[in-house]
N, C-alpha and C. Protein backbone atom coordinates (compact mmCIF):
# COMPACT_ATOMS: atom_id res chain seq x y z
N UNK A 1 106.75 76.45 95.24
CA UNK A 1 107.58 75.30 94.94
C UNK A 1 106.80 74.26 94.13
N UNK A 2 105.52 74.06 94.46
CA UNK A 2 104.73 73.08 93.72
C UNK A 2 104.60 73.45 92.26
N UNK A 3 104.34 74.73 91.97
CA UNK A 3 104.20 75.14 90.57
C UNK A 3 105.50 74.93 89.82
N UNK A 4 106.62 75.14 90.50
CA UNK A 4 107.92 74.92 89.86
C UNK A 4 108.07 73.45 89.49
N UNK A 5 107.63 72.57 90.37
CA UNK A 5 107.73 71.14 90.10
C UNK A 5 106.83 70.73 88.94
N UNK A 6 105.72 71.41 88.77
CA UNK A 6 104.84 71.10 87.65
C UNK A 6 105.46 71.52 86.33
N UNK A 7 106.19 72.60 86.34
CA UNK A 7 106.77 73.13 85.12
C UNK A 7 108.03 72.35 84.72
N UNK A 8 108.84 72.01 85.70
CA UNK A 8 110.07 71.28 85.42
C UNK A 8 109.76 69.79 85.47
N UNK A 9 109.79 69.15 84.35
CA UNK A 9 109.46 67.72 84.28
C UNK A 9 110.67 66.89 84.69
N UNK A 10 110.40 65.83 85.40
CA UNK A 10 111.48 64.97 85.88
C UNK A 10 112.21 64.27 84.74
N UNK A 11 111.57 64.15 83.60
CA UNK A 11 112.20 63.46 82.47
C UNK A 11 113.23 64.34 81.76
N UNK A 12 113.26 65.60 82.08
CA UNK A 12 114.21 66.50 81.42
C UNK A 12 115.62 66.26 81.93
N UNK A 13 116.57 66.67 81.12
CA UNK A 13 117.96 66.48 81.52
C UNK A 13 118.35 67.47 82.63
N UNK A 14 119.38 67.14 83.40
CA UNK A 14 119.78 67.98 84.53
C UNK A 14 120.12 69.42 84.15
N UNK A 15 120.76 69.62 83.01
CA UNK A 15 121.12 70.97 82.60
C UNK A 15 119.88 71.81 82.35
N UNK A 16 118.90 71.26 81.67
CA UNK A 16 117.64 71.98 81.44
C UNK A 16 116.97 72.30 82.77
N UNK A 17 116.93 71.33 83.68
CA UNK A 17 116.30 71.53 84.98
C UNK A 17 117.01 72.63 85.77
N UNK A 18 118.33 72.51 85.86
CA UNK A 18 119.11 73.46 86.67
C UNK A 18 119.06 74.87 86.09
N UNK A 19 119.19 74.99 84.78
CA UNK A 19 119.19 76.34 84.18
C UNK A 19 117.82 76.99 84.31
N UNK A 20 116.76 76.21 84.18
CA UNK A 20 115.41 76.75 84.33
C UNK A 20 115.13 77.16 85.77
N UNK A 21 115.48 76.29 86.70
CA UNK A 21 115.28 76.58 88.12
C UNK A 21 116.09 77.81 88.54
N UNK A 22 117.33 77.90 88.04
CA UNK A 22 118.17 79.05 88.34
C UNK A 22 117.54 80.34 87.80
N UNK A 23 117.01 80.29 86.59
CA UNK A 23 116.36 81.47 86.01
C UNK A 23 115.15 81.88 86.85
N UNK A 24 114.37 80.92 87.32
CA UNK A 24 113.23 81.24 88.19
C UNK A 24 113.68 81.95 89.47
N UNK A 25 114.77 81.44 90.06
CA UNK A 25 115.30 82.07 91.28
C UNK A 25 115.73 83.51 91.00
N UNK A 26 116.37 83.72 89.87
CA UNK A 26 116.84 85.06 89.52
C UNK A 26 115.65 85.99 89.26
N UNK A 27 114.62 85.50 88.60
CA UNK A 27 113.43 86.33 88.36
C UNK A 27 112.87 86.82 89.70
N UNK A 28 112.77 85.92 90.66
CA UNK A 28 112.23 86.29 91.98
C UNK A 28 113.12 87.33 92.66
N UNK A 29 114.43 87.13 92.60
CA UNK A 29 115.36 88.09 93.20
C UNK A 29 115.27 89.44 92.51
N UNK A 30 115.17 89.44 91.20
CA UNK A 30 115.09 90.70 90.45
C UNK A 30 113.81 91.46 90.76
N UNK A 31 112.73 90.73 90.98
CA UNK A 31 111.49 91.41 91.39
C UNK A 31 111.68 92.09 92.74
N UNK A 32 112.37 91.42 93.65
CA UNK A 32 112.67 92.03 94.96
C UNK A 32 113.56 93.27 94.78
N UNK A 33 114.56 93.15 93.93
CA UNK A 33 115.47 94.28 93.70
C UNK A 33 114.72 95.47 93.08
N UNK A 34 113.81 95.19 92.18
CA UNK A 34 113.06 96.27 91.55
C UNK A 34 112.11 96.94 92.54
N UNK A 35 111.63 96.19 93.53
CA UNK A 35 110.82 96.80 94.60
C UNK A 35 111.67 97.79 95.40
N UNK A 36 112.98 97.52 95.46
CA UNK A 36 113.92 98.42 96.16
C UNK A 36 114.40 99.54 95.25
N UNK A 37 113.81 99.63 94.07
CA UNK A 37 114.15 100.66 93.06
C UNK A 37 115.51 100.45 92.43
N UNK A 38 116.00 99.21 92.42
CA UNK A 38 117.24 98.88 91.73
C UNK A 38 116.86 98.28 90.38
N UNK A 39 116.93 99.12 89.35
CA UNK A 39 116.46 98.70 88.04
C UNK A 39 117.59 98.30 87.09
N UNK A 40 118.65 99.07 87.06
CA UNK A 40 119.70 98.87 86.06
C UNK A 40 120.41 97.53 86.25
N UNK A 41 120.98 97.30 87.43
CA UNK A 41 121.72 96.06 87.66
C UNK A 41 120.81 94.85 87.67
N UNK A 42 119.60 95.01 88.20
CA UNK A 42 118.68 93.87 88.22
C UNK A 42 118.28 93.46 86.80
N UNK A 43 118.15 94.42 85.91
CA UNK A 43 117.82 94.08 84.51
C UNK A 43 118.99 93.37 83.84
N UNK A 44 120.21 93.79 84.15
CA UNK A 44 121.40 93.11 83.60
C UNK A 44 121.44 91.65 84.07
N UNK A 45 121.20 91.47 85.36
CA UNK A 45 121.19 90.13 85.94
C UNK A 45 120.08 89.29 85.31
N UNK A 46 118.91 89.86 85.21
CA UNK A 46 117.76 89.15 84.65
C UNK A 46 118.02 88.73 83.20
N UNK A 47 118.57 89.64 82.42
CA UNK A 47 118.83 89.36 81.02
C UNK A 47 119.83 88.22 80.86
N UNK A 48 120.94 88.31 81.57
CA UNK A 48 121.97 87.28 81.39
C UNK A 48 121.54 85.92 81.96
N UNK A 49 120.89 85.92 83.11
CA UNK A 49 120.50 84.66 83.74
C UNK A 49 119.42 83.92 82.95
N UNK A 50 118.45 84.66 82.43
CA UNK A 50 117.40 83.99 81.66
C UNK A 50 117.91 83.56 80.29
N UNK A 51 118.93 84.22 79.81
CA UNK A 51 119.53 83.85 78.53
C UNK A 51 120.20 82.48 78.61
N UNK A 52 120.71 82.12 79.78
CA UNK A 52 121.37 80.82 79.95
C UNK A 52 120.39 79.71 79.60
N UNK A 53 119.25 79.71 80.26
CA UNK A 53 118.25 78.68 80.01
C UNK A 53 117.72 78.70 78.60
N UNK A 54 117.56 79.89 78.05
CA UNK A 54 117.06 80.00 76.67
C UNK A 54 118.05 79.38 75.69
N UNK A 55 119.33 79.59 75.91
CA UNK A 55 120.34 79.00 75.02
C UNK A 55 120.42 77.48 75.20
N UNK A 56 120.20 77.01 76.41
CA UNK A 56 120.17 75.56 76.64
C UNK A 56 118.99 74.95 75.88
N UNK A 57 117.85 75.62 75.92
CA UNK A 57 116.69 75.15 75.16
C UNK A 57 117.00 75.14 73.66
N UNK A 58 117.64 76.19 73.18
CA UNK A 58 118.01 76.24 71.76
C UNK A 58 119.00 75.13 71.41
N UNK A 59 119.93 74.86 72.30
CA UNK A 59 120.92 73.81 72.06
C UNK A 59 120.24 72.46 71.89
N UNK A 60 119.18 72.24 72.63
CA UNK A 60 118.47 70.97 72.52
C UNK A 60 117.73 70.82 71.20
N UNK A 61 117.64 71.89 70.44
CA UNK A 61 117.04 71.84 69.11
C UNK A 61 118.07 72.14 68.03
N UNK A 62 119.33 71.95 68.36
CA UNK A 62 120.42 72.27 67.44
C UNK A 62 120.33 71.45 66.16
N UNK A 63 120.82 72.06 65.10
CA UNK A 63 120.79 71.41 63.79
C UNK A 63 121.97 70.49 63.55
N UNK A 64 123.02 70.65 64.36
CA UNK A 64 124.21 69.81 64.23
C UNK A 64 124.95 69.79 65.55
N UNK A 65 125.94 68.92 65.65
CA UNK A 65 126.77 68.86 66.86
C UNK A 65 127.51 70.19 67.06
N UNK A 66 127.99 70.78 65.95
CA UNK A 66 128.69 72.07 66.04
C UNK A 66 127.75 73.16 66.54
N UNK A 67 126.52 73.15 66.06
CA UNK A 67 125.52 74.13 66.49
C UNK A 67 125.20 73.94 67.98
N UNK A 68 125.10 72.68 68.41
CA UNK A 68 124.85 72.36 69.82
C UNK A 68 125.96 72.93 70.70
N UNK A 69 127.20 72.67 70.31
CA UNK A 69 128.35 73.15 71.08
C UNK A 69 128.37 74.68 71.10
N UNK A 70 128.08 75.28 69.97
CA UNK A 70 128.08 76.74 69.88
C UNK A 70 127.04 77.35 70.83
N UNK A 71 125.84 76.79 70.84
CA UNK A 71 124.78 77.33 71.69
C UNK A 71 125.09 77.12 73.18
N UNK A 72 125.65 75.97 73.51
CA UNK A 72 126.06 75.75 74.90
C UNK A 72 127.20 76.69 75.29
N UNK A 73 128.07 77.00 74.36
CA UNK A 73 129.16 77.94 74.64
C UNK A 73 128.62 79.33 74.92
N UNK A 74 127.61 79.74 74.18
CA UNK A 74 126.97 81.03 74.45
C UNK A 74 126.31 81.00 75.83
N UNK A 75 125.64 79.91 76.15
CA UNK A 75 125.01 79.77 77.46
C UNK A 75 126.07 79.87 78.56
N UNK A 76 127.23 79.28 78.33
CA UNK A 76 128.32 79.34 79.31
C UNK A 76 128.82 80.77 79.49
N UNK A 77 128.94 81.50 78.40
CA UNK A 77 129.36 82.91 78.50
C UNK A 77 128.33 83.72 79.29
N UNK A 78 127.06 83.48 79.02
CA UNK A 78 126.00 84.19 79.74
C UNK A 78 126.00 83.82 81.22
N UNK A 79 126.28 82.55 81.52
CA UNK A 79 126.34 82.12 82.92
C UNK A 79 127.49 82.81 83.65
N UNK A 80 128.62 82.95 82.97
CA UNK A 80 129.75 83.65 83.57
C UNK A 80 129.46 85.13 83.77
N UNK A 81 128.75 85.73 82.82
CA UNK A 81 128.33 87.13 82.99
C UNK A 81 127.38 87.24 84.18
N UNK A 82 126.47 86.30 84.30
CA UNK A 82 125.53 86.28 85.42
C UNK A 82 126.28 86.20 86.74
N UNK A 83 127.30 85.38 86.78
CA UNK A 83 128.14 85.24 87.98
C UNK A 83 128.72 86.60 88.37
N UNK A 84 129.16 87.35 87.38
CA UNK A 84 129.70 88.70 87.62
C UNK A 84 128.64 89.61 88.26
N UNK A 85 127.43 89.64 87.68
CA UNK A 85 126.38 90.53 88.18
C UNK A 85 125.97 90.16 89.61
N UNK A 86 125.91 88.87 89.90
CA UNK A 86 125.56 88.44 91.26
C UNK A 86 126.63 88.91 92.23
N UNK A 87 127.90 88.70 91.87
CA UNK A 87 128.99 89.16 92.75
C UNK A 87 128.93 90.66 92.98
N UNK A 88 128.70 91.42 91.91
CA UNK A 88 128.64 92.87 92.01
C UNK A 88 127.49 93.31 92.92
N UNK A 89 126.33 92.71 92.73
CA UNK A 89 125.18 93.06 93.56
C UNK A 89 125.40 92.69 95.03
N UNK A 90 126.01 91.54 95.27
CA UNK A 90 126.26 91.11 96.64
C UNK A 90 127.35 91.94 97.30
N UNK A 91 128.44 92.17 96.58
CA UNK A 91 129.56 92.94 97.15
C UNK A 91 129.20 94.40 97.40
N UNK A 92 128.28 94.92 96.61
CA UNK A 92 127.85 96.31 96.80
C UNK A 92 126.73 96.43 97.84
N UNK A 93 126.34 95.29 98.41
CA UNK A 93 125.32 95.22 99.46
C UNK A 93 123.90 95.55 98.95
N UNK A 94 123.74 95.55 97.64
CA UNK A 94 122.39 95.75 97.07
C UNK A 94 121.59 94.47 97.24
N UNK A 95 122.29 93.35 97.10
CA UNK A 95 121.67 92.03 97.28
C UNK A 95 122.13 91.46 98.60
N UNK A 96 121.20 90.93 99.35
CA UNK A 96 121.50 90.28 100.62
C UNK A 96 122.59 89.23 100.41
N UNK A 97 123.59 89.21 101.29
CA UNK A 97 124.74 88.32 101.09
C UNK A 97 124.35 86.85 101.11
N UNK A 98 123.38 86.47 101.92
CA UNK A 98 122.93 85.08 101.96
C UNK A 98 122.29 84.68 100.64
N UNK A 99 121.41 85.53 100.13
CA UNK A 99 120.77 85.26 98.84
C UNK A 99 121.81 85.26 97.72
N UNK A 100 122.77 86.17 97.82
CA UNK A 100 123.83 86.24 96.83
C UNK A 100 124.66 84.97 96.81
N UNK A 101 124.99 84.45 97.99
CA UNK A 101 125.79 83.23 98.07
C UNK A 101 125.03 82.03 97.50
N UNK A 102 123.75 81.95 97.81
CA UNK A 102 122.92 80.86 97.28
C UNK A 102 122.86 80.94 95.75
N UNK A 103 122.63 82.14 95.22
CA UNK A 103 122.58 82.31 93.77
C UNK A 103 123.93 82.00 93.12
N UNK A 104 125.01 82.45 93.75
CA UNK A 104 126.34 82.17 93.21
C UNK A 104 126.59 80.66 93.12
N UNK A 105 126.23 79.95 94.17
CA UNK A 105 126.44 78.50 94.18
C UNK A 105 125.63 77.82 93.08
N UNK A 106 124.41 78.27 92.87
CA UNK A 106 123.57 77.70 91.81
C UNK A 106 124.15 78.04 90.43
N UNK A 107 124.65 79.25 90.30
CA UNK A 107 125.25 79.68 89.05
C UNK A 107 126.51 78.85 88.75
N UNK A 108 127.33 78.64 89.75
CA UNK A 108 128.54 77.84 89.58
C UNK A 108 128.19 76.41 89.18
N UNK A 109 127.14 75.88 89.76
CA UNK A 109 126.70 74.53 89.41
C UNK A 109 126.29 74.46 87.93
N UNK A 110 125.56 75.46 87.46
CA UNK A 110 125.16 75.51 86.05
C UNK A 110 126.40 75.63 85.16
N UNK A 111 127.33 76.48 85.54
CA UNK A 111 128.57 76.65 84.77
C UNK A 111 129.34 75.33 84.68
N UNK A 112 129.43 74.60 85.77
CA UNK A 112 130.13 73.31 85.77
C UNK A 112 129.47 72.31 84.84
N UNK A 113 128.14 72.26 84.87
CA UNK A 113 127.43 71.33 83.98
C UNK A 113 127.62 71.74 82.53
N UNK A 114 127.53 73.04 82.26
CA UNK A 114 127.74 73.52 80.90
C UNK A 114 129.14 73.19 80.41
N UNK A 115 130.13 73.45 81.22
CA UNK A 115 131.52 73.18 80.86
C UNK A 115 131.73 71.70 80.56
N UNK A 116 131.19 70.85 81.42
CA UNK A 116 131.33 69.41 81.22
C UNK A 116 130.61 68.96 79.95
N UNK A 117 129.43 69.51 79.69
CA UNK A 117 128.67 69.15 78.49
C UNK A 117 129.41 69.57 77.22
N UNK A 118 129.99 70.75 77.26
CA UNK A 118 130.76 71.24 76.10
C UNK A 118 131.97 70.35 75.86
N UNK A 119 132.71 70.03 76.93
CA UNK A 119 133.91 69.17 76.78
C UNK A 119 133.54 67.80 76.24
N UNK A 120 132.47 67.23 76.77
CA UNK A 120 132.03 65.91 76.33
C UNK A 120 131.61 65.94 74.87
N UNK A 121 130.87 66.96 74.49
CA UNK A 121 130.41 67.07 73.10
C UNK A 121 131.57 67.28 72.14
N UNK A 122 132.55 68.06 72.55
CA UNK A 122 133.73 68.27 71.70
C UNK A 122 134.52 66.97 71.54
N UNK A 123 134.62 66.20 72.61
CA UNK A 123 135.37 64.94 72.56
C UNK A 123 134.68 63.91 71.66
N UNK A 124 133.37 63.99 71.57
CA UNK A 124 132.61 63.03 70.76
C UNK A 124 132.55 63.42 69.28
N UNK A 125 133.03 64.63 68.96
CA UNK A 125 132.98 65.09 67.56
C UNK A 125 133.86 64.33 66.66
C-alpha cells in the first residue's frame, strides 16, 4: 500500500488516481489467476483494465478538446469491456466472488467518472 501511495500523487486528478489504482488491483488479481493456470481470461482482463488508465493518461495529453473526448470515450469502452471480463470470471467461479465484487465496484466507479467527464467535456465544447 505504501508503494502505491508513492506512485499515485495526491495532486493528480481523481480519474487518473482511480484508473491507476484499479489497474494495479487488476494486475495483482491477474497474477493470482495465472498462478491458478488461468491464462486466457486473465490476459483479456489485464489488457482491457490497463488500457483504461493508459487512455486516461493519453487524454491528459490530448491535442484538442475533441481528441480528449475521443480518448476518454475509448477508455470508457475499455472499462465496460473490463466489467464484462470481471463478471465472467466471477460468475464462472474462476475469480473469488468477494474479490470479483470489489473489482466490479471499483470498475463501476471508474466508468461513472469517465461518463461524467465525457458529458462535461461535451457540454463545454
